[in-house]
Amino acid sequence: MKKIVCFLAFSFSLSLFASGDHGHKHGHEKSSSSLGAHVHGELECSIAVDQKEIYLQLKAPAQSLIGFEYRPKTEEEKKKWKTFTDSWKKNLLNSFSMTDIKCEILKPLVLLNVDEKGSHAQIYAEALLRCPKSLQGKTMNVTLRQKFEAIKKIDFDVLPATKPPYKRSISKDLKTLELEL
C-alpha cells in the first residue's frame, strides 16, 4: 500500500503541475494558462500494483476520449462527457481486466482540465482497484483502443508488485495489450 500511495501522490501532483493548473494563482500568470503540448489520439497511462491493489492514472487530450476540447456546452456534448465519466467510474473493469480476479473500483476520479481560453483541454482520470487476492504474477488485459476509435497510441508506465518498472506501448492495429503485474 505504501508503494501505491507514494506513486499516487507523485504521479497525480506531477500531472497537475505539468498541466499548469495546480489549484491556485500565484499572480505571475499572464492572460492564459497552458496545458502543455499533447498529441490527439495519444494517451498516457500509469499503473502501480501493490499486493491486492492497483492504482490507474490516465492522461489524454479530451478530443481523443470525448470528441471535443472545451467544456461541454450542448446537450450532446454534456451527454458524451457524462457517458465517459460514468464509464470510468462504473465500467472501468471492462477496459482493465483480469481473467480470474474480480476487483472493486474505489475512488474513481475524472477531471476535465480546460485552459483559460476554453479551447484546449485534457482529461485526467484515476482510480484505485482493490482485489480479493494477490496480484503477483497476474496479467491485466487493456482494451481501451476497442472502446475509443480516436485513440491511436497508448504509452504505459507499469510499476508491478515485485518486478522492476517497465514501459509498453499499444499502437497501430493492436486493440488489446497484456500487462504483467
C-alpha atoms as a PDB file:
ATOM      1  CA  MET A   1       0.000   0.000   0.000  1.00  0.00           C
ATOM      2  CA  LYS A   2       2.842   2.386   0.827  1.00  0.00           C
ATOM      3  CA  LYS A   3       4.215   1.879  -2.708  1.00  0.00           C
ATOM      4  CA  ILE A   4       0.890   2.854  -4.285  1.00  0.00           C
ATOM      5  CA  VAL A   5       0.391   5.871  -2.025  1.00  0.00           C
ATOM      6  CA  CYS A   6       3.830   7.241  -2.928  1.00  0.00           C
ATOM      7  CA  PHE A   7       3.262   6.559  -6.633  1.00  0.00           C
ATOM      8  CA  LEU A   8      -0.232   8.069  -6.482  1.00  0.00           C
ATOM      9  CA  ALA A   9       0.946  11.243  -4.780  1.00  0.00           C
ATOM     10  CA  PHE A  10       3.903  11.676  -7.118  1.00  0.00           C
ATOM     11  CA  SER A  11       2.013  10.899 -10.342  1.00  0.00           C
ATOM     12  CA  PHE A  12      -1.022  13.000  -9.611  1.00  0.00           C
ATOM     13  CA  SER A  13       0.910  16.014  -8.383  1.00  0.00           C
ATOM     14  CA  LEU A  14       3.251  15.745 -11.353  1.00  0.00           C
ATOM     15  CA  SER A  15       0.356  15.666 -13.815  1.00  0.00           C
ATOM     16  CA  LEU A  16      -1.391  18.633 -12.209  1.00  0.00           C
ATOM     17  CA  PHE A  17       1.728  20.770 -12.008  1.00  0.00           C
ATOM     18  CA  ALA A  18       2.791  19.775 -15.517  1.00  0.00           C
ATOM     19  CA  SER A  19      -0.598  20.892 -16.736  1.00  0.00           C
ATOM     20  CA  GLY A  20      -0.115  24.376 -15.356  1.00  0.00           C
ATOM     21  CA  ASP A  21      -3.256  24.086 -13.218  1.00  0.00           C
ATOM     22  CA  HIS A  22      -2.478  23.367  -9.601  1.00  0.00           C
ATOM     23  CA  GLY A  23      -5.485  24.808  -7.887  1.00  0.00           C
ATOM     24  CA  HIS A  24      -4.479  28.416  -7.266  1.00  0.00           C
ATOM     25  CA  LYS A  25      -2.978  31.512  -8.833  1.00  0.00           C
ATOM     26  CA  HIS A  26       0.427  32.850  -7.931  1.00  0.00           C
ATOM     27  CA  GLY A  27      -0.062  36.245  -9.519  1.00  0.00           C
ATOM     28  CA  HIS A  28       2.622  35.587 -12.146  1.00  0.00           C
ATOM     29  CA  GLU A  29       0.335  34.104 -14.784  1.00  0.00           C
ATOM     30  CA  LYS A  30      -0.344  36.205 -17.833  1.00  0.00           C
ATOM     31  CA  SER A  31      -3.520  36.129 -19.899  1.00  0.00           C
ATOM     32  CA  SER A  32      -3.971  32.357 -20.086  1.00  0.00           C
ATOM     33  CA  SER A  33      -2.527  29.198 -18.666  1.00  0.00           C
ATOM     34  CA  SER A  34      -1.186  26.482 -20.911  1.00  0.00           C
ATOM     35  CA  LEU A  35      -1.951  22.809 -20.558  1.00  0.00           C
ATOM     36  CA  GLY A  36       1.203  21.909 -22.402  1.00  0.00           C
ATOM     37  CA  ALA A  37       1.533  20.220 -25.741  1.00  0.00           C
ATOM     38  CA  HIS A  38      -0.284  16.998 -26.452  1.00  0.00           C
ATOM     39  CA  VAL A  39      -0.950  14.876 -29.496  1.00  0.00           C
ATOM     40  CA  HIS A  40      -4.528  13.993 -30.341  1.00  0.00           C
ATOM     41  CA  GLY A  41      -5.000  10.248 -30.286  1.00  0.00           C
ATOM     42  CA  GLU A  42      -2.159   9.625 -27.817  1.00  0.00           C
ATOM     43  CA  LEU A  43      -2.786   8.696 -24.184  1.00  0.00           C
ATOM     44  CA  GLU A  44      -0.538   8.159 -21.192  1.00  0.00           C
ATOM     45  CA  CYS A  45      -1.444   5.516 -18.629  1.00  0.00           C
ATOM     46  CA  SER A  46       0.324   4.758 -15.354  1.00  0.00           C
ATOM     47  CA  ILE A  47      -0.324   1.555 -13.431  1.00  0.00           C
ATOM     48  CA  ALA A  48       1.088   0.756  -9.990  1.00  0.00           C
ATOM     49  CA  VAL A  49       0.492  -2.567  -8.249  1.00  0.00           C
ATOM     50  CA  ASP A  50       0.924  -3.406  -4.581  1.00  0.00           C
ATOM     51  CA  GLN A  51      -0.252  -6.744  -3.189  1.00  0.00           C
ATOM     52  CA  LYS A  52      -4.038  -6.579  -3.716  1.00  0.00           C
ATOM     53  CA  GLU A  53      -4.372  -3.037  -5.086  1.00  0.00           C
ATOM     54  CA  ILE A  54      -3.910  -1.368  -8.455  1.00  0.00           C
ATOM     55  CA  TYR A  55      -3.670   2.374  -8.987  1.00  0.00           C
ATOM     56  CA  LEU A  56      -4.587   3.549 -12.507  1.00  0.00           C
ATOM     57  CA  GLN A  57      -3.998   7.006 -13.914  1.00  0.00           C
ATOM     58  CA  LEU A  58      -4.890   8.166 -17.413  1.00  0.00           C
ATOM     59  CA  LYS A  59      -3.957  11.443 -19.100  1.00  0.00           C
ATOM     60  CA  ALA A  60      -5.309  12.248 -22.565  1.00  0.00           C
ATOM     61  CA  PRO A  61      -6.338  15.078 -24.855  1.00  0.00           C
ATOM     62  CA  ALA A  62     -10.085  15.495 -24.371  1.00  0.00           C
ATOM     63  CA  GLN A  63     -10.557  15.243 -28.149  1.00  0.00           C
ATOM     64  CA  SER A  64      -9.328  11.631 -28.045  1.00  0.00           C
ATOM     65  CA  LEU A  65     -11.908  10.474 -25.500  1.00  0.00           C
ATOM     66  CA  ILE A  66     -14.962  12.709 -25.834  1.00  0.00           C
ATOM     67  CA  GLY A  67     -14.528  14.317 -29.267  1.00  0.00           C
ATOM     68  CA  PHE A  68     -14.031  17.968 -28.247  1.00  0.00           C
ATOM     69  CA  GLU A  69     -11.544  20.165 -26.330  1.00  0.00           C
ATOM     70  CA  TYR A  70     -13.610  22.589 -24.270  1.00  0.00           C
ATOM     71  CA  ARG A  71     -16.203  22.496 -21.520  1.00  0.00           C
ATOM     72  CA  PRO A  72     -19.337  20.720 -22.734  1.00  0.00           C
ATOM     73  CA  LYS A  73     -21.918  23.216 -23.972  1.00  0.00           C
ATOM     74  CA  THR A  74     -24.582  21.427 -25.979  1.00  0.00           C
ATOM     75  CA  GLU A  75     -26.785  18.639 -24.641  1.00  0.00           C
ATOM     76  CA  GLU A  76     -24.948  16.179 -26.914  1.00  0.00           C
ATOM     77  CA  GLU A  77     -21.553  17.254 -25.525  1.00  0.00           C
ATOM     78  CA  LYS A  78     -22.825  17.062 -21.943  1.00  0.00           C
ATOM     79  CA  LYS A  79     -24.105  13.561 -22.668  1.00  0.00           C
ATOM     80  CA  LYS A  80     -20.695  12.498 -24.106  1.00  0.00           C
ATOM     81  CA  TRP A  81     -18.908  13.852 -21.009  1.00  0.00           C
ATOM     82  CA  LYS A  82     -21.369  12.141 -18.645  1.00  0.00           C
ATOM     83  CA  THR A  83     -21.070   8.869 -20.569  1.00  0.00           C
ATOM     84  CA  PHE A  84     -17.275   8.980 -20.296  1.00  0.00           C
ATOM     85  CA  THR A  85     -17.228   9.857 -16.587  1.00  0.00           C
ATOM     86  CA  ASP A  86     -19.877   7.233 -15.768  1.00  0.00           C
ATOM     87  CA  SER A  87     -17.951   4.642 -17.765  1.00  0.00           C
ATOM     88  CA  TRP A  88     -14.703   5.410 -15.906  1.00  0.00           C
ATOM     89  CA  LYS A  89     -16.432   5.288 -12.545  1.00  0.00           C
ATOM     90  CA  LYS A  90     -18.649   2.242 -13.118  1.00  0.00           C
ATOM     91  CA  ASN A  91     -17.325   0.208 -16.058  1.00  0.00           C
ATOM     92  CA  LEU A  92     -13.585   0.704 -15.716  1.00  0.00           C
ATOM     93  CA  LEU A  93     -13.037  -3.027 -15.284  1.00  0.00           C
ATOM     94  CA  ASN A  94     -14.294  -3.592 -18.834  1.00  0.00           C
ATOM     95  CA  SER A  95     -11.188  -1.781 -20.127  1.00  0.00           C
ATOM     96  CA  PHE A  96      -8.704  -3.005 -17.488  1.00  0.00           C
ATOM     97  CA  SER A  97      -9.493  -6.640 -16.678  1.00  0.00           C
ATOM     98  CA  MET A  98      -8.006  -9.834 -15.326  1.00  0.00           C
ATOM     99  CA  THR A  99      -9.497 -13.204 -16.206  1.00  0.00           C
ATOM    100  CA  ASP A 100      -9.512 -14.819 -12.753  1.00  0.00           C
ATOM    101  CA  ILE A 101      -9.849 -11.836 -10.396  1.00  0.00           C
ATOM    102  CA  LYS A 102     -12.828  -9.529  -9.917  1.00  0.00           C
ATOM    103  CA  CYS A 103     -11.606  -6.257  -8.392  1.00  0.00           C
ATOM    104  CA  GLU A 104     -13.617  -3.463  -6.821  1.00  0.00           C
ATOM    105  CA  ILE A 105     -13.345   0.132  -8.116  1.00  0.00           C
ATOM    106  CA  LEU A 106     -12.514   2.584  -5.321  1.00  0.00           C
ATOM    107  CA  LYS A 107     -12.027   6.333  -5.509  1.00  0.00           C
ATOM    108  CA  PRO A 108     -12.597   6.890  -9.230  1.00  0.00           C
ATOM    109  CA  LEU A 109     -11.883  10.468 -10.272  1.00  0.00           C
ATOM    110  CA  VAL A 110     -12.255  12.210 -13.630  1.00  0.00           C
ATOM    111  CA  LEU A 111     -11.208  15.812 -14.289  1.00  0.00           C
ATOM    112  CA  LEU A 112     -11.571  17.925 -17.405  1.00  0.00           C
ATOM    113  CA  ASN A 113      -8.770  20.490 -17.302  1.00  0.00           C
ATOM    114  CA  VAL A 114      -9.537  23.351 -19.709  1.00  0.00           C
ATOM    115  CA  ASP A 115      -7.219  26.292 -20.383  1.00  0.00           C
ATOM    116  CA  GLU A 116      -8.430  29.813 -19.647  1.00  0.00           C
ATOM    117  CA  LYS A 117      -9.311  30.452 -23.281  1.00  0.00           C
ATOM    118  CA  GLY A 118     -11.599  27.429 -23.196  1.00  0.00           C
ATOM    119  CA  SER A 119     -10.177  25.989 -26.407  1.00  0.00           C
ATOM    120  CA  HIS A 120      -7.706  23.371 -25.165  1.00  0.00           C
ATOM    121  CA  ALA A 121      -8.483  20.540 -22.720  1.00  0.00           C
ATOM    122  CA  GLN A 122      -7.071  17.372 -21.230  1.00  0.00           C
ATOM    123  CA  ILE A 123      -8.714  14.619 -19.251  1.00  0.00           C
ATOM    124  CA  TYR A 124      -7.121  13.229 -16.104  1.00  0.00           C
ATOM    125  CA  ALA A 125      -8.691  10.078 -14.740  1.00  0.00           C
ATOM    126  CA  GLU A 126      -7.582   7.864 -11.907  1.00  0.00           C
ATOM    127  CA  ALA A 127      -8.900   5.018  -9.789  1.00  0.00           C
ATOM    128  CA  LEU A 128      -7.826   2.624  -7.104  1.00  0.00           C
ATOM    129  CA  LEU A 129      -8.816  -1.017  -7.595  1.00  0.00           C
ATOM    130  CA  ARG A 130      -8.951  -3.377  -4.630  1.00  0.00           C
ATOM    131  CA  CYS A 131      -8.769  -7.077  -5.426  1.00  0.00           C
ATOM    132  CA  PRO A 132      -9.662 -10.081  -3.245  1.00  0.00           C
ATOM    133  CA  LYS A 133      -6.337 -11.854  -3.724  1.00  0.00           C
ATOM    134  CA  SER A 134      -2.698 -11.167  -4.504  1.00  0.00           C
ATOM    135  CA  LEU A 135      -1.894  -9.721  -7.922  1.00  0.00           C
ATOM    136  CA  GLN A 136       1.649 -11.069  -8.027  1.00  0.00           C
ATOM    137  CA  GLY A 137       2.260 -12.808 -11.341  1.00  0.00           C
ATOM    138  CA  LYS A 138      -1.169 -11.835 -12.757  1.00  0.00           C
ATOM    139  CA  THR A 139      -1.802 -10.304 -16.168  1.00  0.00           C
ATOM    140  CA  MET A 140      -4.071  -7.352 -16.941  1.00  0.00           C
ATOM    141  CA  ASN A 141      -5.791  -7.058 -20.329  1.00  0.00           C
ATOM    142  CA  VAL A 142      -6.175  -3.475 -21.522  1.00  0.00           C
ATOM    143  CA  THR A 143      -8.808  -2.856 -24.194  1.00  0.00           C
ATOM    144  CA  LEU A 144      -9.122   0.949 -24.282  1.00  0.00           C
ATOM    145  CA  ARG A 145      -8.445   1.113 -28.009  1.00  0.00           C
ATOM    146  CA  GLN A 146     -11.524  -1.044 -28.687  1.00  0.00           C
ATOM    147  CA  LYS A 147     -13.781   1.479 -26.976  1.00  0.00           C
ATOM    148  CA  PHE A 148     -12.331   4.749 -28.290  1.00  0.00           C
ATOM    149  CA  GLU A 149     -11.701   4.880 -32.035  1.00  0.00           C
ATOM    150  CA  ALA A 150      -9.766   8.164 -31.834  1.00  0.00           C
ATOM    151  CA  ILE A 151      -7.021   6.510 -29.766  1.00  0.00           C
ATOM    152  CA  LYS A 152      -4.011   5.775 -31.954  1.00  0.00           C
ATOM    153  CA  LYS A 153      -1.385   5.124 -29.271  1.00  0.00           C
ATOM    154  CA  ILE A 154      -1.242   4.482 -25.529  1.00  0.00           C
ATOM    155  CA  ASP A 155       2.002   4.660 -23.579  1.00  0.00           C
ATOM    156  CA  PHE A 156       2.033   2.672 -20.339  1.00  0.00           C
ATOM    157  CA  ASP A 157       4.300   3.099 -17.317  1.00  0.00           C
ATOM    158  CA  VAL A 158       3.879  -0.008 -15.173  1.00  0.00           C
ATOM    159  CA  LEU A 159       5.127  -0.483 -11.633  1.00  0.00           C
ATOM    160  CA  PRO A 160       4.497  -4.191 -10.831  1.00  0.00           C
ATOM    161  CA  ALA A 161       4.235  -5.542  -7.305  1.00  0.00           C
ATOM    162  CA  THR A 162       7.569  -7.395  -7.263  1.00  0.00           C
ATOM    163  CA  LYS A 163       9.291  -6.756 -10.592  1.00  0.00           C
ATOM    164  CA  PRO A 164      11.158  -3.707 -11.902  1.00  0.00           C
ATOM    165  CA  PRO A 165       9.095  -0.926 -13.533  1.00  0.00           C
ATOM    166  CA  TYR A 166       8.667  -1.124 -17.297  1.00  0.00           C
ATOM    167  CA  LYS A 167       7.131   0.724 -20.245  1.00  0.00           C
ATOM    168  CA  ARG A 168       4.886  -0.613 -23.017  1.00  0.00           C
ATOM    169  CA  SER A 169       3.004   0.979 -25.888  1.00  0.00           C
ATOM    170  CA  ILE A 170      -0.012  -0.054 -27.843  1.00  0.00           C
ATOM    171  CA  SER A 171      -0.486   1.417 -31.310  1.00  0.00           C
ATOM    172  CA  LYS A 172      -1.377   0.737 -34.919  1.00  0.00           C
ATOM    173  CA  ASP A 173      -3.726  -2.230 -35.364  1.00  0.00           C
ATOM    174  CA  LEU A 174      -3.232  -3.709 -31.899  1.00  0.00           C
ATOM    175  CA  LYS A 175      -6.504  -3.322 -29.969  1.00  0.00           C
ATOM    176  CA  THR A 176      -5.558  -5.065 -26.703  1.00  0.00           C
ATOM    177  CA  LEU A 177      -2.430  -5.353 -24.606  1.00  0.00           C
ATOM    178  CA  GLU A 178      -1.486  -7.727 -21.803  1.00  0.00           C
ATOM    179  CA  LEU A 179       0.493  -6.195 -18.958  1.00  0.00           C
ATOM    180  CA  GLU A 180       2.326  -8.266 -16.352  1.00  0.00           C
ATOM    181  CA  LEU A 181       1.502  -7.137 -12.832  1.00  0.00           C
END
